[in-house]
C-alpha atoms as a PDB file:
ATOM      1  CA  MET A   1       0.000   0.000   0.000  1.00  0.00           C
ATOM      2  CA  ALA A   2       2.900   2.349   0.722  1.00  0.00           C
ATOM      3  CA  ILE A   3       4.015   2.210  -2.907  1.00  0.00           C
ATOM      4  CA  VAL A   4       0.564   3.195  -4.120  1.00  0.00           C
ATOM      5  CA  LEU A   5       0.320   6.036  -1.609  1.00  0.00           C
ATOM      6  CA  ALA A   6       3.660   7.332  -2.857  1.00  0.00           C
ATOM      7  CA  ILE A   7       2.601   7.301  -6.524  1.00  0.00           C
ATOM      8  CA  GLU A   8      -1.016   8.425  -6.142  1.00  0.00           C
ATOM      9  CA  TRP A   9      -0.155  12.056  -6.815  1.00  0.00           C
ATOM     10  CA  LEU A  10       1.565  11.063 -10.063  1.00  0.00           C
ATOM     11  CA  TYR A  11      -1.137   8.907 -11.650  1.00  0.00           C
ATOM     12  CA  PRO A  12      -4.885   9.456 -11.095  1.00  0.00           C
ATOM     13  CA  TRP A  13      -5.625   5.760 -11.782  1.00  0.00           C
ATOM     14  CA  SER A  14      -3.688   4.812  -8.627  1.00  0.00           C
ATOM     15  CA  LYS A  15      -6.509   6.302  -6.554  1.00  0.00           C
ATOM     16  CA  LEU A  16      -8.499   3.167  -7.279  1.00  0.00           C
ATOM     17  CA  LEU A  17      -6.259   1.531  -4.660  1.00  0.00           C
ATOM     18  CA  THR A  18      -6.283   4.156  -1.884  1.00  0.00           C
ATOM     19  CA  GLY A  19      -7.814   7.504  -0.802  1.00  0.00           C
ATOM     20  CA  SER A  20     -10.555   9.506  -2.517  1.00  0.00           C
ATOM     21  CA  SER A  21     -10.890   9.267  -6.263  1.00  0.00           C
ATOM     22  CA  ASP A  22     -11.606  11.460  -9.230  1.00  0.00           C
ATOM     23  CA  GLN A  23     -12.221   8.423 -11.424  1.00  0.00           C
ATOM     24  CA  THR A  24     -15.561   7.898 -13.096  1.00  0.00           C
ATOM     25  CA  THR A  25     -18.290   5.456 -12.276  1.00  0.00           C
ATOM     26  CA  GLY A  26     -21.978   4.790 -12.069  1.00  0.00           C
ATOM     27  CA  ASN A  27     -24.223   2.187 -10.502  1.00  0.00           C
ATOM     28  CA  ALA A  28     -25.149  -0.837 -12.556  1.00  0.00           C
ATOM     29  CA  ALA A  29     -28.770  -0.760 -13.629  1.00  0.00           C
ATOM     30  CA  VAL A  30     -29.764  -3.769 -11.530  1.00  0.00           C
ATOM     31  CA  GLY A  31     -31.019  -4.218  -7.980  1.00  0.00           C
ATOM     32  CA  PRO A  32     -28.972  -5.715  -5.167  1.00  0.00           C
ATOM     33  CA  LYS A  33     -29.040  -9.492  -4.826  1.00  0.00           C
ATOM     34  CA  ARG A  34     -28.293 -11.380  -1.641  1.00  0.00           C
ATOM     35  CA  ASN A  35     -28.265 -14.884  -3.068  1.00  0.00           C
ATOM     36  CA  GLY A  36     -24.527 -15.417  -2.945  1.00  0.00           C
ATOM     37  CA  SER A  37     -21.728 -14.310  -5.240  1.00  0.00           C
ATOM     38  CA  ARG A  38     -21.404 -15.875  -8.649  1.00  0.00           C
ATOM     39  CA  GLU A  39     -18.780 -18.500  -9.241  1.00  0.00           C
ATOM     40  CA  PRO A  40     -15.682 -16.928 -10.854  1.00  0.00           C
ATOM     41  CA  GLU A  41     -14.880 -18.005 -14.391  1.00  0.00           C
ATOM     42  CA  ARG A  42     -11.917 -20.353 -14.326  1.00  0.00           C
ATOM     43  CA  SER A  43      -9.179 -19.425 -16.780  1.00  0.00           C
ATOM     44  CA  SER A  44      -6.378 -21.725 -17.821  1.00  0.00           C
ATOM     45  CA  THR A  45      -2.719 -20.996 -17.139  1.00  0.00           C
ATOM     46  CA  PRO A  46      -1.612 -18.168 -19.454  1.00  0.00           C
ATOM     47  CA  HIS A  47      -0.451 -19.554 -22.787  1.00  0.00           C
ATOM     48  CA  GLN A  48       2.667 -17.392 -22.936  1.00  0.00           C
ATOM     49  CA  TYR A  49       3.745 -18.467 -19.455  1.00  0.00           C
ATOM     50  CA  THR A  50       3.374 -22.127 -20.430  1.00  0.00           C
ATOM     51  CA  GLU A  51       5.296 -21.654 -23.691  1.00  0.00           C
ATOM     52  CA  LEU A  52       8.185 -19.845 -21.991  1.00  0.00           C
ATOM     53  CA  GLN A  53       8.417 -22.625 -19.419  1.00  0.00           C
ATOM     54  CA  ARG A  54       8.427 -25.226 -22.183  1.00  0.00           C
ATOM     55  CA  LYS A  55      11.055 -23.434 -24.287  1.00  0.00           C
ATOM     56  CA  PHE A  56      13.464 -22.195 -21.613  1.00  0.00           C
ATOM     57  CA  GLY A  57      12.659 -24.133 -18.440  1.00  0.00           C
ATOM     58  CA  SER A  58      12.447 -22.739 -14.911  1.00  0.00           C
ATOM     59  CA  GLU A  59      16.027 -21.451 -14.898  1.00  0.00           C
ATOM     60  CA  VAL A  60      15.019 -18.282 -16.759  1.00  0.00           C
ATOM     61  CA  LEU A  61      12.049 -17.595 -14.457  1.00  0.00           C
ATOM     62  CA  ILE A  62      12.954 -14.955 -11.856  1.00  0.00           C
ATOM     63  CA  ASP A  63       9.612 -14.798 -10.051  1.00  0.00           C
ATOM     64  CA  GLU A  64       5.902 -15.412 -10.574  1.00  0.00           C
ATOM     65  CA  PHE A  65       2.670 -14.172  -9.035  1.00  0.00           C
ATOM     66  CA  ALA A  66      -0.788 -15.783  -8.791  1.00  0.00           C
ATOM     67  CA  ILE A  67      -0.211 -18.119 -11.758  1.00  0.00           C
ATOM     68  CA  ASP A  68      -2.416 -20.848 -10.263  1.00  0.00           C
ATOM     69  CA  ARG A  69      -5.236 -18.574  -9.059  1.00  0.00           C
ATOM     70  CA  PRO A  70      -8.431 -18.564 -11.157  1.00  0.00           C
ATOM     71  CA  ASN A  71      -9.616 -15.516 -13.076  1.00  0.00           C
ATOM     72  CA  THR A  72      -7.259 -12.919 -11.630  1.00  0.00           C
ATOM     73  CA  LEU A  73      -4.317 -10.868 -12.832  1.00  0.00           C
ATOM     74  CA  LYS A  74      -1.138 -12.960 -13.002  1.00  0.00           C
ATOM     75  CA  ALA A  75       2.491 -12.047 -13.624  1.00  0.00           C
ATOM     76  CA  ALA A  76       5.975 -13.445 -14.145  1.00  0.00           C
ATOM     77  CA  GLN A  77       9.456 -11.998 -14.607  1.00  0.00           C
ATOM     78  CA  TRP A  78      11.900 -13.669 -16.990  1.00  0.00           C
ATOM     79  CA  LYS A  79      15.498 -13.294 -18.150  1.00  0.00           C
ATOM     80  CA  ALA A  80      16.440 -14.938 -21.457  1.00  0.00           C
ATOM     81  CA  ASP A  81      17.594 -14.481 -25.032  1.00  0.00           C
ATOM     82  CA  ILE A  82      14.281 -14.579 -26.910  1.00  0.00           C
ATOM     83  CA  THR A  83      15.657 -14.616 -30.475  1.00  0.00           C
ATOM     84  CA  GLY A  84      13.400 -16.685 -32.700  1.00  0.00           C
ATOM     85  CA  ARG A  85      10.650 -17.024 -30.086  1.00  0.00           C
ATOM     86  CA  ILE A  86       7.245 -17.551 -31.682  1.00  0.00           C
ATOM     87  CA  VAL A  87       4.231 -16.197 -29.787  1.00  0.00           C
ATOM     88  CA  ARG A  88       0.692 -17.321 -30.538  1.00  0.00           C
ATOM     89  CA  PRO A  89      -2.400 -15.375 -29.396  1.00  0.00           C
ATOM     90  CA  ASP A  90      -4.003 -16.433 -26.112  1.00  0.00           C
ATOM     91  CA  SER A  91      -7.781 -16.868 -26.032  1.00  0.00           C
ATOM     92  CA  ASN A  92      -8.042 -16.092 -22.295  1.00  0.00           C
ATOM     93  CA  TYR A  93      -5.438 -13.415 -21.578  1.00  0.00           C
ATOM     94  CA  LEU A  94      -3.998 -10.190 -22.905  1.00  0.00           C
ATOM     95  CA  CYS A  95      -0.250 -10.159 -22.261  1.00  0.00           C
ATOM     96  CA  ILE A  96       1.391  -6.878 -21.250  1.00  0.00           C
ATOM     97  CA  VAL A  97       5.187  -6.881 -21.344  1.00  0.00           C
ATOM     98  CA  PHE A  98       7.377  -4.432 -19.422  1.00  0.00           C
ATOM     99  CA  HIS A  99      10.956  -4.322 -20.715  1.00  0.00           C
ATOM    100  CA  ALA A 100      12.865  -4.391 -17.420  1.00  0.00           C
ATOM    101  CA  GLY A 101      16.446  -4.492 -18.725  1.00  0.00           C
ATOM    102  CA  GLY A 102      18.981  -5.970 -21.115  1.00  0.00           C
ATOM    103  CA  SER A 103      19.117  -5.742 -24.891  1.00  0.00           C
ATOM    104  CA  LYS A 104      16.584  -4.294 -27.296  1.00  0.00           C
ATOM    105  CA  VAL A 105      13.789  -6.478 -28.674  1.00  0.00           C
ATOM    106  CA  TRP A 106      11.819  -6.373 -31.902  1.00  0.00           C
ATOM    107  CA  CYS A 107       9.174  -8.238 -33.857  1.00  0.00           C
ATOM    108  CA  SER A 108       9.877  -9.665 -37.330  1.00  0.00           C
ATOM    109  CA  ASP A 109       6.960  -7.863 -39.013  1.00  0.00           C
ATOM    110  CA  ASP A 110       7.101  -4.541 -37.160  1.00  0.00           C
ATOM    111  CA  CYS A 111       9.657  -1.748 -37.285  1.00  0.00           C
ATOM    112  CA  SER A 112       9.131  -0.730 -33.634  1.00  0.00           C
ATOM    113  CA  VAL A 113      11.832  -1.598 -31.086  1.00  0.00           C
ATOM    114  CA  GLY A 114      11.430  -2.260 -27.384  1.00  0.00           C
ATOM    115  CA  VAL A 115      14.083  -0.931 -24.993  1.00  0.00           C
ATOM    116  CA  PRO A 116      14.273  -0.927 -21.180  1.00  0.00           C
ATOM    117  CA  GLY A 117      11.415   1.037 -19.640  1.00  0.00           C
ATOM    118  CA  THR A 118       8.972   0.495 -22.501  1.00  0.00           C
ATOM    119  CA  VAL A 119       5.727  -1.485 -22.650  1.00  0.00           C
ATOM    120  CA  THR A 120       4.490  -3.858 -25.343  1.00  0.00           C
ATOM    121  CA  ILE A 121       0.970  -5.229 -25.766  1.00  0.00           C
ATOM    122  CA  GLN A 122       1.388  -8.641 -27.359  1.00  0.00           C
ATOM    123  CA  PRO A 123      -0.657  -8.746 -30.615  1.00  0.00           C
ATOM    124  CA  LEU A 124      -3.949 -10.544 -30.024  1.00  0.00           C
ATOM    125  CA  CYS A 125      -4.924 -11.535 -33.546  1.00  0.00           C
ATOM    126  CA  ARG A 126      -1.744 -12.835 -35.152  1.00  0.00           C
ATOM    127  CA  GLN A 127       1.266 -15.006 -34.490  1.00  0.00           C
ATOM    128  CA  THR A 128       4.512 -13.078 -34.032  1.00  0.00           C
ATOM    129  CA  THR A 129       8.212 -13.932 -34.009  1.00  0.00           C
ATOM    130  CA  TRP A 130      10.452 -12.043 -31.583  1.00  0.00           C
ATOM    131  CA  HIS A 131      14.187 -11.309 -31.527  1.00  0.00           C
ATOM    132  CA  SER A 132      16.633  -9.719 -29.111  1.00  0.00           C
ATOM    133  CA  GLY A 133      20.213  -8.512 -29.307  1.00  0.00           C
ATOM    134  CA  GLY A 134      21.103 -10.773 -26.373  1.00  0.00           C
ATOM    135  CA  VAL A 135      19.705 -11.523 -22.937  1.00  0.00           C
ATOM    136  CA  VAL A 136      16.674  -9.440 -22.008  1.00  0.00           C
ATOM    137  CA  GLU A 137      14.805  -9.168 -18.704  1.00  0.00           C
ATOM    138  CA  PHE A 138      11.072  -8.729 -19.068  1.00  0.00           C
ATOM    139  CA  PHE A 139       8.022  -8.662 -16.818  1.00  0.00           C
ATOM    140  CA  GLN A 140       4.776 -10.115 -18.186  1.00  0.00           C
ATOM    141  CA  LEU A 141       1.318  -9.270 -16.838  1.00  0.00           C
ATOM    142  CA  TYR A 142      -1.398 -11.698 -17.885  1.00  0.00           C
ATOM    143  CA  LEU A 143      -4.690  -9.785 -17.841  1.00  0.00           C
ATOM    144  CA  PRO A 144      -7.842 -11.960 -18.046  1.00  0.00           C
ATOM    145  CA  LYS A 145     -10.033 -10.864 -20.925  1.00  0.00           C
ATOM    146  CA  SER A 146     -13.063 -11.086 -18.632  1.00  0.00           C
ATOM    147  CA  HIS A 147     -11.769  -7.955 -16.869  1.00  0.00           C
ATOM    148  CA  ILE A 148     -11.281  -6.176 -20.192  1.00  0.00           C
ATOM    149  CA  ARG A 149     -14.831  -7.092 -21.260  1.00  0.00           C
ATOM    150  CA  ASP A 150     -16.224  -5.643 -18.047  1.00  0.00           C
ATOM    151  CA  VAL A 151     -14.398  -2.328 -18.452  1.00  0.00           C
ATOM    152  CA  SER A 152     -15.203  -2.134 -22.174  1.00  0.00           C
ATOM    153  CA  GLN A 153     -18.913  -2.627 -21.556  1.00  0.00           C
ATOM    154  CA  HIS A 154     -19.209  -0.224 -18.644  1.00  0.00           C
ATOM    155  CA  ALA A 155     -16.728   2.505 -19.612  1.00  0.00           C
ATOM    156  CA  PHE A 156     -17.320   2.521 -23.368  1.00  0.00           C
ATOM    157  CA  GLY A 157     -20.657   0.763 -23.838  1.00  0.00           C
ATOM    158  CA  LYS A 158     -18.939  -1.623 -26.280  1.00  0.00           C
ATOM    159  CA  ASP A 159     -18.644  -5.388 -26.398  1.00  0.00           C
ATOM    160  CA  TYR A 160     -14.959  -6.285 -26.318  1.00  0.00           C
ATOM    161  CA  GLN A 161     -13.333  -7.934 -29.338  1.00  0.00           C
ATOM    162  CA  ASP A 162      -9.634  -8.800 -29.720  1.00  0.00           C
ATOM    163  CA  GLU A 163      -9.646  -6.877 -32.998  1.00  0.00           C
ATOM    164  CA  ASP A 164     -10.424  -3.686 -31.048  1.00  0.00           C
ATOM    165  CA  ILE A 165      -6.940  -3.588 -29.475  1.00  0.00           C
ATOM    166  CA  LEU A 166      -4.311  -1.968 -31.684  1.00  0.00           C
ATOM    167  CA  ASP A 167      -0.804  -3.434 -31.843  1.00  0.00           C
ATOM    168  CA  LEU A 168       1.594  -1.548 -29.584  1.00  0.00           C
ATOM    169  CA  ILE A 169       5.305  -2.398 -29.393  1.00  0.00           C
ATOM    170  CA  GLY A 170       7.898  -0.580 -27.293  1.00  0.00           C
ATOM    171  CA  THR A 171       5.807   2.407 -26.190  1.00  0.00           C
ATOM    172  CA  HIS A 172       7.110   5.056 -23.791  1.00  0.00           C
ATOM    173  CA  ASP A 173       3.551   6.341 -23.142  1.00  0.00           C
ATOM    174  CA  PRO A 174       3.405   7.144 -19.385  1.00  0.00           C
ATOM    175  CA  ALA A 175      -0.312   6.304 -19.336  1.00  0.00           C
ATOM    176  CA  LEU A 176       0.800   2.680 -19.844  1.00  0.00           C
ATOM    177  CA  THR A 177       4.359   2.522 -18.499  1.00  0.00           C
ATOM    178  CA  GLY A 178       3.161   4.214 -15.273  1.00  0.00           C
ATOM    179  CA  PRO A 179       0.537   1.675 -14.145  1.00  0.00           C
ATOM    180  CA  VAL A 180       2.514  -1.311 -15.466  1.00  0.00           C
ATOM    181  CA  SER A 181       5.753  -0.381 -13.683  1.00  0.00           C
ATOM    182  CA  CYS A 182       3.866   0.438 -10.472  1.00  0.00           C
ATOM    183  CA  ALA A 183       1.947  -2.862 -10.556  1.00  0.00           C
ATOM    184  CA  ARG A 184       5.289  -4.625 -10.977  1.00  0.00           C
ATOM    185  CA  ALA A 185       6.839  -2.739  -8.069  1.00  0.00           C
ATOM    186  CA  GLN A 186       3.936  -3.533  -5.763  1.00  0.00           C
ATOM    187  CA  MET A 187       3.934  -7.239  -6.665  1.00  0.00           C
ATOM    188  CA  PHE A 188       7.633  -7.514  -5.832  1.00  0.00           C
ATOM    189  CA  HIS A 189       7.088  -5.444  -2.671  1.00  0.00           C
ATOM    190  CA  ASP A 190       4.172  -7.493  -1.299  1.00  0.00           C
ATOM    191  CA  GLU A 191       4.969 -10.878   0.202  1.00  0.00           C
ATOM    192  CA  GLU A 192       1.952 -12.380  -1.550  1.00  0.00           C
ATOM    193  CA  PRO A 193      -0.435 -10.069  -3.437  1.00  0.00           C
ATOM    194  CA  SER A 194      -4.047 -10.618  -2.380  1.00  0.00           C
ATOM    195  CA  ASP A 195      -6.801 -11.357  -4.875  1.00  0.00           C
ATOM    196  CA  ILE A 196      -8.474  -8.024  -4.200  1.00  0.00           C
ATOM    197  CA  LEU A 197      -5.227  -6.143  -4.885  1.00  0.00           C
ATOM    198  CA  LEU A 198      -4.659  -8.086  -8.124  1.00  0.00           C
ATOM    199  CA  ASP A 199      -8.277  -7.506  -9.168  1.00  0.00           C
ATOM    200  CA  SER A 200      -7.907  -3.774  -8.505  1.00  0.00           C
ATOM    201  CA  TRP A 201      -4.800  -3.633 -10.685  1.00  0.00           C
ATOM    202  CA  ALA A 202      -6.662  -5.599 -13.364  1.00  0.00           C
ATOM    203  CA  VAL A 203      -9.343  -2.887 -13.496  1.00  0.00           C
ATOM    204  CA  ILE A 204      -6.682  -0.148 -13.657  1.00  0.00           C
ATOM    205  CA  LEU A 205      -4.720  -1.884 -16.425  1.00  0.00           C
ATOM    206  CA  ALA A 206      -7.806  -2.771 -18.471  1.00  0.00           C
ATOM    207  CA  ASP A 207      -8.989   0.827 -18.295  1.00  0.00           C
ATOM    208  CA  ALA A 208      -5.554   2.194 -19.265  1.00  0.00           C
ATOM    209  CA  ILE A 209      -5.179  -0.207 -22.203  1.00  0.00           C
ATOM    210  CA  LEU A 210      -8.654   0.439 -23.583  1.00  0.00           C
ATOM    211  CA  ARG A 211      -8.239   4.215 -23.299  1.00  0.00           C
ATOM    212  CA  ARG A 212      -4.882   4.163 -25.132  1.00  0.00           C
ATOM    213  CA  THR A 213      -5.052   1.251 -27.592  1.00  0.00           C
ATOM    214  CA  SER A 214      -8.726   0.496 -28.310  1.00  0.00           C
ATOM    215  CA  VAL A 215     -10.411   1.575 -31.523  1.00  0.00           C
ATOM    216  CA  HIS A 216     -13.190   2.844 -29.226  1.00  0.00           C
ATOM    217  CA  ARG A 217     -10.829   4.918 -27.073  1.00  0.00           C
ATOM    218  CA  THR A 218     -12.486   8.226 -27.993  1.00  0.00           C
ATOM    219  CA  SER A 219     -15.958   7.002 -26.988  1.00  0.00           C
ATOM    220  CA  GLY A 220     -15.307   6.557 -23.260  1.00  0.00           C
ATOM    221  CA  LYS A 221     -16.977   9.443 -21.438  1.00  0.00           C
ATOM    222  CA  GLU A 222     -15.884  10.870 -18.083  1.00  0.00           C
ATOM    223  CA  THR A 223     -18.685  11.340 -15.558  1.00  0.00           C
ATOM    224  CA  GLN A 224     -18.715  12.019 -11.836  1.00  0.00           C
ATOM    225  CA  PRO A 225     -18.655   8.890  -9.659  1.00  0.00           C
ATOM    226  CA  GLY A 226     -22.004   7.851  -8.269  1.00  0.00           C
ATOM    227  CA  LYS A 227     -22.401   6.671  -4.693  1.00  0.00           C
ATOM    228  CA  MET A 228     -23.735   3.223  -3.870  1.00  0.00           C
ATOM    229  CA  THR A 229     -27.254   2.812  -2.543  1.00  0.00           C
ATOM    230  CA  PRO A 230     -27.481   1.919   1.185  1.00  0.00           C
ATOM    231  CA  ALA A 231     -28.656  -1.603   0.316  1.00  0.00           C
ATOM    232  CA  ARG A 232     -25.751  -2.283  -2.043  1.00  0.00           C
ATOM    233  CA  MET A 233     -23.298  -0.906   0.476  1.00  0.00           C
ATOM    234  CA  ARG A 234     -24.748  -3.026   3.271  1.00  0.00           C
ATOM    235  CA  TYR A 235     -24.481  -6.222   1.216  1.00  0.00           C
ATOM    236  CA  ALA A 236     -20.855  -5.471   0.297  1.00  0.00           C
ATOM    237  CA  ILE A 237     -19.823  -4.546   3.852  1.00  0.00           C
ATOM    238  CA  GLU A 238     -21.535  -7.591   5.340  1.00  0.00           C
ATOM    239  CA  TYR A 239     -19.901  -9.903   2.817  1.00  0.00           C
ATOM    240  CA  ILE A 240     -16.464  -8.468   3.601  1.00  0.00           C
ATOM    241  CA  ALA A 241     -17.029  -8.855   7.352  1.00  0.00           C
ATOM    242  CA  GLU A 242     -18.235 -12.444   6.965  1.00  0.00           C
ATOM    243  CA  ASN A 243     -15.304 -13.456   4.772  1.00  0.00           C
ATOM    244  CA  LEU A 244     -12.468 -11.388   6.205  1.00  0.00           C
ATOM    245  CA  ASP A 245     -10.441 -14.514   7.013  1.00  0.00           C
ATOM    246  CA  GLY A 246     -10.368 -15.585   3.348  1.00  0.00           C
ATOM    247  CA  ASP A 247      -8.741 -14.164   0.226  1.00  0.00           C
ATOM    248  CA  LEU A 248     -11.499 -11.787  -0.821  1.00  0.00           C
ATOM    249  CA  SER A 249     -11.791 -10.963  -4.504  1.00  0.00           C
ATOM    250  CA  LEU A 250     -13.181  -7.802  -6.065  1.00  0.00           C
ATOM    251  CA  GLU A 251     -15.397  -9.938  -8.298  1.00  0.00           C
ATOM    252  CA  ALA A 252     -17.030 -11.726  -5.358  1.00  0.00           C
ATOM    253  CA  ILE A 253     -17.623  -8.521  -3.365  1.00  0.00           C
ATOM    254  CA  SER A 254     -19.054  -6.611  -6.333  1.00  0.00           C
ATOM    255  CA  ALA A 255     -21.343  -9.553  -7.146  1.00  0.00           C
ATOM    256  CA  GLU A 256     -22.878  -9.224  -3.669  1.00  0.00           C
ATOM    257  CA  ALA A 257     -23.899  -5.680  -4.592  1.00  0.00           C
ATOM    258  CA  ALA A 258     -25.005  -6.801  -8.079  1.00  0.00           C
ATOM    259  CA  MET A 259     -22.499  -4.460  -9.727  1.00  0.00           C
ATOM    260  CA  SER A 260     -19.675  -4.876 -12.180  1.00  0.00           C
ATOM    261  CA  PRO A 261     -16.165  -4.743 -10.648  1.00  0.00           C
ATOM    262  CA  TYR A 262     -15.461  -1.617 -12.703  1.00  0.00           C
ATOM    263  CA  HIS A 263     -18.445   0.314 -11.339  1.00  0.00           C
ATOM    264  CA  PHE A 264     -18.163  -1.164  -7.871  1.00  0.00           C
ATOM    265  CA  CYS A 265     -14.568   0.078  -7.506  1.00  0.00           C
ATOM    266  CA  ARG A 266     -15.580   3.628  -8.267  1.00  0.00           C
ATOM    267  CA  SER A 267     -18.882   3.675  -6.396  1.00  0.00           C
ATOM    268  CA  PHE A 268     -17.365   2.146  -3.264  1.00  0.00           C
ATOM    269  CA  LYS A 269     -14.603   4.762  -3.289  1.00  0.00           C
ATOM    270  CA  ALA A 270     -17.091   7.588  -3.824  1.00  0.00           C
ATOM    271  CA  SER A 271     -19.227   6.313  -0.949  1.00  0.00           C
ATOM    272  CA  THR A 272     -16.598   5.473   1.666  1.00  0.00           C
ATOM    273  CA  GLY A 273     -13.447   7.375   0.725  1.00  0.00           C
ATOM    274  CA  TYR A 274     -11.646   4.018   0.572  1.00  0.00           C
ATOM    275  CA  SER A 275     -10.910   1.733  -2.319  1.00  0.00           C
ATOM    276  CA  PRO A 276     -12.170  -1.836  -1.749  1.00  0.00           C
ATOM    277  CA  HIS A 277      -8.563  -3.002  -1.259  1.00  0.00           C
ATOM    278  CA  ALA A 278      -7.763  -0.255   1.264  1.00  0.00           C
ATOM    279  CA  TYR A 279     -11.040  -0.865   3.116  1.00  0.00           C
ATOM    280  CA  VAL A 280     -10.426  -4.622   3.404  1.00  0.00           C
ATOM    281  CA  THR A 281      -6.880  -4.008   4.667  1.00  0.00           C
ATOM    282  CA  GLN A 282      -8.140  -1.558   7.302  1.00  0.00           C
ATOM    283  CA  ARG A 283     -10.870  -3.964   8.440  1.00  0.00           C
ATOM    284  CA  ARG A 284      -8.289  -6.730   8.804  1.00  0.00           C
ATOM    285  CA  ILE A 285      -6.146  -4.475  10.965  1.00  0.00           C
ATOM    286  CA  ASP A 286      -9.187  -3.558  13.068  1.00  0.00           C
ATOM    287  CA  ARG A 287     -10.064  -7.234  13.502  1.00  0.00           C
ATOM    288  CA  ALA A 288      -6.482  -8.020  14.504  1.00  0.00           C
ATOM    289  CA  LYS A 289      -6.634  -5.314  17.185  1.00  0.00           C
ATOM    290  CA  GLU A 290      -9.857  -6.778  18.555  1.00  0.00           C
ATOM    291  CA  LEU A 291      -8.412 -10.289  18.699  1.00  0.00           C
ATOM    292  CA  MET A 292      -5.292  -9.095  20.487  1.00  0.00           C
ATOM    293  CA  ILE A 293      -7.484  -7.661  23.242  1.00  0.00           C
ATOM    294  CA  GLU A 294     -10.264 -10.245  23.404  1.00  0.00           C
ATOM    295  CA  ARG A 295      -8.582 -13.592  22.825  1.00  0.00           C
ATOM    296  CA  ASN A 296      -5.420 -15.366  23.940  1.00  0.00           C
ATOM    297  CA  LEU A 297      -4.180 -16.205  20.441  1.00  0.00           C
ATOM    298  CA  THR A 298      -0.687 -16.197  18.995  1.00  0.00           C
ATOM    299  CA  LEU A 299       0.083 -13.493  16.469  1.00  0.00           C
ATOM    300  CA  ALA A 300       0.370 -16.190  13.800  1.00  0.00           C
ATOM    301  CA  GLN A 301      -3.169 -17.386  14.617  1.00  0.00           C
ATOM    302  CA  ILE A 302      -4.476 -13.835  14.541  1.00  0.00           C
ATOM    303  CA  ALA A 303      -2.854 -13.233  11.156  1.00  0.00           C
ATOM    304  CA  HIS A 304      -4.534 -16.366   9.801  1.00  0.00           C
ATOM    305  CA  ASP A 305      -7.940 -15.489  11.275  1.00  0.00           C
ATOM    306  CA  CYS A 306      -7.767 -11.989   9.766  1.00  0.00           C
ATOM    307  CA  GLY A 307      -6.953 -13.124   6.227  1.00  0.00           C
ATOM    308  CA  PHE A 308      -3.260 -12.174   6.104  1.00  0.00           C
ATOM    309  CA  SER A 309      -1.020 -14.577   4.200  1.00  0.00           C
ATOM    310  CA  SER A 310       1.400 -14.835   7.139  1.00  0.00           C
ATOM    311  CA  GLN A 311       2.384 -13.223  10.438  1.00  0.00           C
ATOM    312  CA  ALA A 312       5.081 -11.267   8.600  1.00  0.00           C
ATOM    313  CA  HIS A 313       2.475  -9.978   6.160  1.00  0.00           C
ATOM    314  CA  MET A 314       0.252  -8.793   9.054  1.00  0.00           C
ATOM    315  CA  THR A 315       3.212  -7.184  10.815  1.00  0.00           C
ATOM    316  CA  ASN A 316       4.182  -5.305   7.673  1.00  0.00           C
ATOM    317  CA  ARG A 317       0.675  -3.919   7.094  1.00  0.00           C
ATOM    318  CA  PHE A 318       0.019  -3.261  10.793  1.00  0.00           C
ATOM    319  CA  LYS A 319       3.174  -1.211  11.247  1.00  0.00           C
ATOM    320  CA  LYS A 320       2.470   0.839   8.120  1.00  0.00           C
ATOM    321  CA  LEU A 321      -1.074   1.716   9.190  1.00  0.00           C
ATOM    322  CA  VAL A 322      -0.771   1.851  12.985  1.00  0.00           C
ATOM    323  CA  GLY A 323       2.844   2.943  13.369  1.00  0.00           C
ATOM    324  CA  ILE A 324       3.885   0.122  15.697  1.00  0.00           C
ATOM    325  CA  THR A 325       4.163  -3.659  15.376  1.00  0.00           C
ATOM    326  CA  PRO A 326       1.391  -6.043  16.523  1.00  0.00           C
ATOM    327  CA  GLY A 327       3.631  -7.199  19.367  1.00  0.00           C
ATOM    328  CA  GLN A 328       4.124  -3.634  20.568  1.00  0.00           C
ATOM    329  CA  TYR A 329       0.394  -2.953  20.289  1.00  0.00           C
ATOM    330  CA  ARG A 330      -0.449  -6.079  22.297  1.00  0.00           C
ATOM    331  CA  SER A 331       1.959  -5.116  25.066  1.00  0.00           C
ATOM    332  CA  ILE A 332       0.281  -1.684  25.307  1.00  0.00           C
ATOM    333  CA  VAL A 333      -3.330  -2.905  25.412  1.00  0.00           C
ATOM    334  CA  SER A 334      -2.833  -6.073  27.485  1.00  0.00           C
END
């Protein structure tokens, strides 16, 4: 969260993760439903991740994030000489590549060149062959197309098609390099990114890509964010409270309010002053405080019961938000 707080003043889209927002939204034109969240669509492992593993093996894989989780943003960082690498389109994911270091890269049928610090959107409708002048380090974000469809429908009023995304190789555009590099930094910073954080980044990235590379990019209209109705808000808050010990997803929470993730993100922020991710983190800290006072549990047990991935993860978040460690807090209140 600290990384996002530090960059919020640079990029308006980062406000989807913290603080108050000037992003646009509106309520979905459906009533709240309290019959349980819908089952997330299960996507296969990203095709490009599988092909890189098959071609190079694990020795070129530096790190990976959420590869085995269903229907959420995934990522991996690689270091290899990619000369002659053939890339086929993926039916489930759009692949965003951040050139992290090393030699330049280029595509056989395109004159554009990727250099460190640039972003490439892997072509969605054609097979490509890639080359490099040597070893290159690159960070791939695998964005589920279900997230892009949601943003396309609710921000542009258009049904998403792969053909709508223009080819983009080696761009320096800060509207894309900004969110991509910041998502990368936060993934490496967090011990284990939560589903709700990954889902929030998915919304940000889908919005940025559609507004810069879609053929419909001029049709997205900016409007003031609309607040959630009391009923929608109650369903969302109750669902979060009831499932705080699990890995909450933006899709599941927004389904409780019968809203799209795109609109839910904005409406929740407009209503509470918190992004869904920031709100969930704060509620977990509040729950941890309560358990430290009320129950004789170890800090590891409290971390588990509050939905943190580990005691270290809880300690990190607790100290950032409260200013002291959980152990110090317990010694004060006990």
